[in-house]
Amino acid sequence: MAPPFGTAIGALAAGVLVQYLPFPTHLVYAIFGVIFILQAIGLAYMTDSIAPRDKVLASLKPQLSLPRATREPLLLALPVLVAVWALAGFYGSLGPMLVRGMLGSNSPLLGGLSLFVLAACGGLAVLVLQHREPKEMMMFGVASLFAGVAIAVASVPYSTIVLFFLGTAIAGVGFGASFQGAVRTVVPLAAPHERAGVLSIIFIICYIAMGVPAVVAGWMIAQHGNMVATAEIFGAVIMALAGAALLGSVLRAATKRERRVAAS
């Protein structure tokens, strides 16, 4: 739950900093500095889950791991991971402009509201659905993601703010459920000492998927100035990825059923 809830808090906190507090672009770093100091103190009291084997400098070397058992599940989860974090990049980059345009307001706090709704609903989805089977959770999340993005994108040309936030909330549920389901279908297949490396690869994929599309969207608006068309293209790509992930999961489940029938 930490990544989506952290994103939600950050979206609102950024709006408050910009709208109400002095020197926001400097103050934010001072706040993070205090947080990092507190985290460093907390880390001093944290115990490792596995016994250390290497020296300190060697342990700081990044280690990526993709055991054979995790390769096929990660490949199947790839469209899901890309879709959900591209969606987060979409709301982080274009969300504030879309909301301010539909409301006719320049409020930075309102600008962060769309990302807050998306991420907070994602965190709540993880909390509520945490006991579901990973594949079931992922498929439910992908379907919610597809439906929510479709509703949100359809509302943009007509500036229907209520429909936009409804779609955002549904997409947020899909964001949390899809991400959690995807991670839980991959990571448990790795041995305990391999899981950090597998998670590292997953988050590399996620952050690239979040960053690159956001830059592309910014470039498209800078070139053509058509925010609505950019949002529609962005939404279509995310829906295509979600559809591909859903289709892949259905086909894989059908193949497994056929194999079980043939074996019996």
Protein backbone atom coordinates (compact mmCIF):
# COMPACT_ATOMS: atom_id res chain seq x y z
CA MET A 1 0.00 0.00 0.00
CA ALA A 2 2.96 2.33 0.51
CA PRO A 3 3.60 3.42 -3.12
CA PRO A 4 0.01 4.46 -3.96
CA PHE A 5 -0.69 6.10 -0.60
CA GLY A 6 2.67 7.87 -0.76
CA THR A 7 1.82 9.13 -4.24
CA ALA A 8 -1.59 10.34 -3.03
CA ILE A 9 -0.12 12.21 -0.06
CA GLY A 10 2.58 13.70 -2.28
CA ALA A 11 0.01 14.99 -4.79
CA LEU A 12 -1.94 16.88 -2.12
CA ALA A 13 1.14 18.00 -0.21
CA ALA A 14 2.67 19.46 -3.37
CA GLY A 15 -0.51 21.45 -4.03
CA VAL A 16 -0.53 22.78 -0.45
CA LEU A 17 3.15 23.75 -0.69
CA VAL A 18 2.70 25.65 -3.93
CA GLN A 19 -0.55 27.36 -3.02
CA TYR A 20 -0.13 28.22 0.64
CA LEU A 21 3.50 28.08 1.79
CA PRO A 22 6.50 30.31 0.99
CA PHE A 23 9.40 29.22 -1.24
CA PRO A 24 7.78 25.87 -2.16
CA THR A 25 10.55 24.75 -4.52
CA HIS A 26 13.06 25.12 -1.68
CA LEU A 27 10.86 24.12 1.24
CA VAL A 28 10.02 20.75 -0.29
CA TYR A 29 13.68 19.72 -0.17
CA ALA A 30 13.98 20.78 3.46
CA ILE A 31 10.95 18.64 4.31
CA PHE A 32 12.37 15.66 2.48
CA GLY A 33 15.70 16.20 4.23
CA VAL A 34 14.00 15.85 7.62
CA ILE A 35 12.10 12.75 6.42
CA PHE A 36 15.31 11.12 5.18
CA ILE A 37 17.05 11.78 8.50
CA LEU A 38 14.17 10.13 10.35
CA GLN A 39 14.31 7.19 7.92
CA ALA A 40 18.05 6.82 8.50
CA ILE A 41 17.43 6.61 12.25
CA GLY A 42 14.72 4.01 11.67
CA LEU A 43 17.00 1.95 9.44
CA ALA A 44 19.55 1.74 12.24
CA TYR A 45 17.02 -0.30 14.23
CA MET A 46 15.87 -2.47 11.32
CA THR A 47 17.09 -6.06 11.04
CA ASP A 48 17.83 -7.79 7.73
CA SER A 49 15.64 -10.70 6.68
CA ILE A 50 18.67 -12.67 5.47
CA ALA A 51 22.15 -13.01 6.90
CA PRO A 52 24.79 -10.68 5.38
CA ARG A 53 27.47 -12.48 3.37
CA ASP A 54 29.54 -9.80 1.65
CA LYS A 55 31.45 -6.76 2.80
CA VAL A 56 29.75 -3.37 3.07
CA LEU A 57 30.97 -1.94 -0.24
CA ALA A 58 30.13 -5.12 -2.11
CA SER A 59 26.60 -5.07 -0.69
CA LEU A 60 26.03 -1.60 -2.17
CA LYS A 61 26.48 -2.92 -5.71
CA PRO A 62 23.07 -3.15 -7.42
CA GLN A 63 22.06 -6.73 -8.10
CA LEU A 64 19.29 -7.61 -10.53
CA SER A 65 17.90 -11.14 -10.52
CA LEU A 66 15.41 -12.89 -12.76
CA PRO A 67 15.25 -16.60 -11.87
CA ARG A 68 13.87 -18.96 -14.50
CA ALA A 69 10.64 -19.55 -12.56
CA THR A 70 9.78 -15.84 -12.66
CA ARG A 71 10.47 -15.14 -16.35
CA GLU A 72 7.19 -16.26 -17.92
CA PRO A 73 5.01 -14.70 -15.17
CA LEU A 74 6.93 -11.42 -15.47
CA LEU A 75 6.51 -11.44 -19.25
CA LEU A 76 2.75 -11.93 -18.84
CA ALA A 77 2.62 -9.21 -16.16
CA LEU A 78 4.66 -6.76 -18.26
CA PRO A 79 1.68 -5.10 -20.04
CA VAL A 80 -0.02 -4.66 -16.67
CA LEU A 81 3.01 -3.04 -15.06
CA VAL A 82 3.52 -0.71 -18.02
CA ALA A 83 -0.18 0.21 -18.21
CA VAL A 84 -0.62 1.08 -14.52
CA TRP A 85 2.51 3.16 -14.20
CA ALA A 86 2.00 4.87 -17.56
CA LEU A 87 -1.40 5.83 -16.14
CA ALA A 88 0.30 7.28 -13.06
CA GLY A 89 2.63 9.22 -15.35
CA PHE A 90 -0.38 10.48 -17.31
CA TYR A 91 -2.08 11.82 -14.18
CA GLY A 92 1.15 13.25 -12.81
CA SER A 93 1.96 15.14 -16.01
CA LEU A 94 -1.39 16.00 -17.66
CA GLY A 95 -3.84 15.57 -14.76
CA PRO A 96 -3.32 19.05 -13.26
CA MET A 97 -3.83 20.78 -16.62
CA LEU A 98 -6.92 18.71 -17.41
CA VAL A 99 -8.56 19.40 -14.05
CA ARG A 100 -7.75 23.12 -14.07
CA GLY A 101 -9.02 23.37 -17.64
CA MET A 102 -12.32 21.63 -16.85
CA LEU A 103 -12.87 23.66 -13.66
CA GLY A 104 -11.59 26.94 -15.08
CA SER A 105 -9.26 27.36 -12.10
CA ASN A 106 -5.51 27.83 -11.72
CA SER A 107 -5.41 26.39 -8.20
CA PRO A 108 -2.35 24.12 -7.73
CA LEU A 109 -4.19 22.26 -4.98
CA LEU A 110 -7.03 21.36 -7.34
CA GLY A 111 -4.43 20.38 -9.94
CA GLY A 112 -3.12 17.63 -7.67
CA LEU A 113 -6.57 16.30 -6.88
CA SER A 114 -6.78 13.90 -9.84
CA LEU A 115 -3.52 12.16 -8.96
CA PHE A 116 -4.64 12.02 -5.32
CA VAL A 117 -7.92 10.30 -6.25
CA LEU A 118 -6.16 7.83 -8.57
CA ALA A 119 -3.46 6.86 -6.07
CA ALA A 120 -5.69 6.87 -2.97
CA CYS A 121 -8.21 4.56 -4.65
CA GLY A 122 -5.28 2.36 -5.65
CA GLY A 123 -4.11 2.11 -2.05
CA LEU A 124 -7.64 1.35 -0.83
CA ALA A 125 -7.99 -1.37 -3.46
CA VAL A 126 -4.82 -3.05 -2.21
CA LEU A 127 -6.12 -2.84 1.38
CA VAL A 128 -9.56 -4.26 0.57
CA LEU A 129 -8.47 -6.93 -1.94
CA GLN A 130 -5.26 -8.10 -0.26
CA HIS A 131 -6.65 -11.57 0.54
CA ARG A 132 -7.75 -12.31 -3.02
CA GLU A 133 -5.80 -14.68 -5.23
CA PRO A 134 -3.09 -12.77 -7.16
CA LYS A 135 -4.34 -13.71 -10.64
CA GLU A 136 -7.93 -12.94 -9.73
CA MET A 137 -6.82 -9.60 -8.28
CA MET A 138 -4.80 -8.75 -11.38
CA MET A 139 -7.61 -9.59 -13.80
CA PHE A 140 -10.13 -7.58 -11.77
CA GLY A 141 -7.67 -4.70 -11.69
CA VAL A 142 -7.03 -4.79 -15.43
CA ALA A 143 -10.78 -4.75 -16.16
CA SER A 144 -11.25 -1.80 -13.78
CA LEU A 145 -8.31 -0.02 -15.34
CA PHE A 146 -9.75 -0.42 -18.83
CA ALA A 147 -13.22 0.79 -17.80
CA GLY A 148 -11.96 3.69 -15.69
CA VAL A 149 -9.62 5.06 -18.34
CA ALA A 150 -12.37 4.79 -20.95
CA ILE A 151 -14.76 6.83 -18.77
CA ALA A 152 -12.14 9.43 -17.83
CA VAL A 153 -10.93 9.97 -21.39
CA ALA A 154 -14.50 10.15 -22.73
CA SER A 155 -15.26 12.96 -20.26
CA VAL A 156 -12.35 15.20 -21.28
CA PRO A 157 -13.72 16.66 -24.57
CA TYR A 158 -16.96 17.64 -22.77
CA SER A 159 -15.28 18.94 -19.57
CA THR A 160 -17.51 16.69 -17.46
CA ILE A 161 -15.56 16.87 -14.23
CA VAL A 162 -17.80 14.48 -12.22
CA LEU A 163 -17.47 11.79 -14.88
CA PHE A 164 -13.73 12.42 -15.07
CA PHE A 165 -13.27 11.82 -11.35
CA LEU A 166 -15.56 8.79 -11.43
CA GLY A 167 -13.42 7.27 -14.17
CA THR A 168 -10.30 8.26 -12.25
CA ALA A 169 -11.54 6.49 -9.12
CA ILE A 170 -12.36 3.30 -11.06
CA ALA A 171 -9.00 3.46 -12.83
CA GLY A 172 -7.37 3.97 -9.43
CA VAL A 173 -8.91 0.74 -8.16
CA GLY A 174 -7.49 -0.92 -11.26
CA PHE A 175 -4.12 0.71 -10.63
CA GLY A 176 -3.81 -0.71 -7.12
CA ALA A 177 -5.30 -4.14 -7.80
CA SER A 178 -3.37 -4.67 -11.05
CA PHE A 179 -0.03 -3.66 -9.58
CA GLN A 180 -0.48 -5.72 -6.43
CA GLY A 181 -1.72 -8.73 -8.39
CA ALA A 182 1.14 -8.51 -10.89
CA VAL A 183 3.78 -8.31 -8.15
CA ARG A 184 2.23 -11.23 -6.25
CA THR A 185 2.17 -13.44 -9.36
CA VAL A 186 5.92 -12.95 -9.86
CA VAL A 187 7.82 -12.34 -6.61
CA PRO A 188 6.70 -15.42 -4.58
CA LEU A 189 8.16 -17.66 -7.29
CA ALA A 190 11.67 -16.44 -6.43
CA ALA A 191 13.69 -17.76 -3.50
CA PRO A 192 13.95 -15.39 -0.51
CA HIS A 193 17.50 -14.29 -1.39
CA GLU A 194 16.43 -13.58 -5.01
CA ARG A 195 13.36 -11.46 -4.31
CA ALA A 196 15.16 -8.16 -3.87
CA GLY A 197 16.68 -8.54 -7.33
CA VAL A 198 13.31 -9.47 -8.87
CA LEU A 199 11.61 -6.49 -7.22
CA SER A 200 14.40 -4.25 -8.52
CA ILE A 201 13.66 -5.33 -12.09
CA ILE A 202 9.92 -4.81 -11.55
CA PHE A 203 10.42 -1.27 -10.27
CA ILE A 204 12.87 -0.42 -13.07
CA ILE A 205 10.12 -1.41 -15.53
CA CYS A 206 7.51 0.57 -13.58
CA TYR A 207 9.48 3.80 -13.33
CA ILE A 208 10.52 3.72 -16.98
CA ALA A 209 6.85 3.14 -17.86
CA MET A 210 5.90 6.10 -15.67
CA GLY A 211 8.59 8.50 -16.88
CA VAL A 212 8.89 7.96 -20.62
CA PRO A 213 5.20 8.37 -21.54
CA ALA A 214 4.97 11.51 -19.39
CA VAL A 215 7.86 13.06 -21.32
CA VAL A 216 6.30 11.99 -24.62
CA ALA A 217 2.97 13.54 -23.60
CA GLY A 218 4.71 16.79 -22.70
CA TRP A 219 6.50 16.81 -26.03
CA MET A 220 3.23 16.23 -27.90
CA ILE A 221 1.55 19.16 -26.15
CA ALA A 222 4.59 21.38 -26.76
CA GLN A 223 4.49 20.48 -30.46
CA HIS A 224 0.75 20.60 -31.13
CA GLY A 225 -0.84 22.21 -28.06
CA ASN A 226 -3.79 19.80 -28.26
CA MET A 227 -4.23 18.49 -24.74
CA VAL A 228 -7.49 16.66 -25.47
CA ALA A 229 -6.02 14.70 -28.38
CA THR A 230 -2.94 13.87 -26.30
CA ALA A 231 -5.13 12.57 -23.47
CA GLU A 232 -7.14 10.45 -25.92
CA ILE A 233 -4.00 8.92 -27.45
CA PHE A 234 -2.55 8.29 -24.00
CA GLY A 235 -5.79 6.66 -22.85
CA ALA A 236 -6.01 4.49 -25.98
CA VAL A 237 -2.48 3.15 -25.42
CA ILE A 238 -3.19 2.34 -21.77
CA MET A 239 -6.46 0.62 -22.69
CA ALA A 240 -4.67 -1.40 -25.38
CA LEU A 241 -2.08 -2.57 -22.85
CA ALA A 242 -4.79 -3.43 -20.34
CA GLY A 243 -6.71 -5.34 -23.01
CA ALA A 244 -3.59 -7.25 -24.02
CA ALA A 245 -2.90 -8.17 -20.41
CA LEU A 246 -6.48 -9.33 -19.86
CA LEU A 247 -6.44 -11.39 -23.06
CA GLY A 248 -3.10 -12.95 -22.13
CA SER A 249 -4.39 -13.95 -18.69
CA VAL A 250 -7.55 -15.49 -20.15
CA LEU A 251 -5.61 -17.45 -22.79
CA ARG A 252 -3.08 -18.69 -20.25
CA ALA A 253 -5.85 -19.86 -17.92
CA ALA A 254 -7.59 -21.65 -20.81
CA THR A 255 -4.33 -23.34 -21.82
CA LYS A 256 -3.77 -24.59 -18.27
CA ARG A 257 -7.29 -25.99 -18.11
CA GLU A 258 -6.76 -27.85 -21.39
CA ARG A 259 -3.50 -29.31 -20.08
CA ARG A 260 -5.18 -30.51 -16.89
CA VAL A 261 -8.01 -32.12 -18.86
CA ALA A 262 -5.53 -33.79 -21.21
CA ALA A 263 -3.46 -35.07 -18.28
CA SER A 264 -6.51 -36.56 -16.57
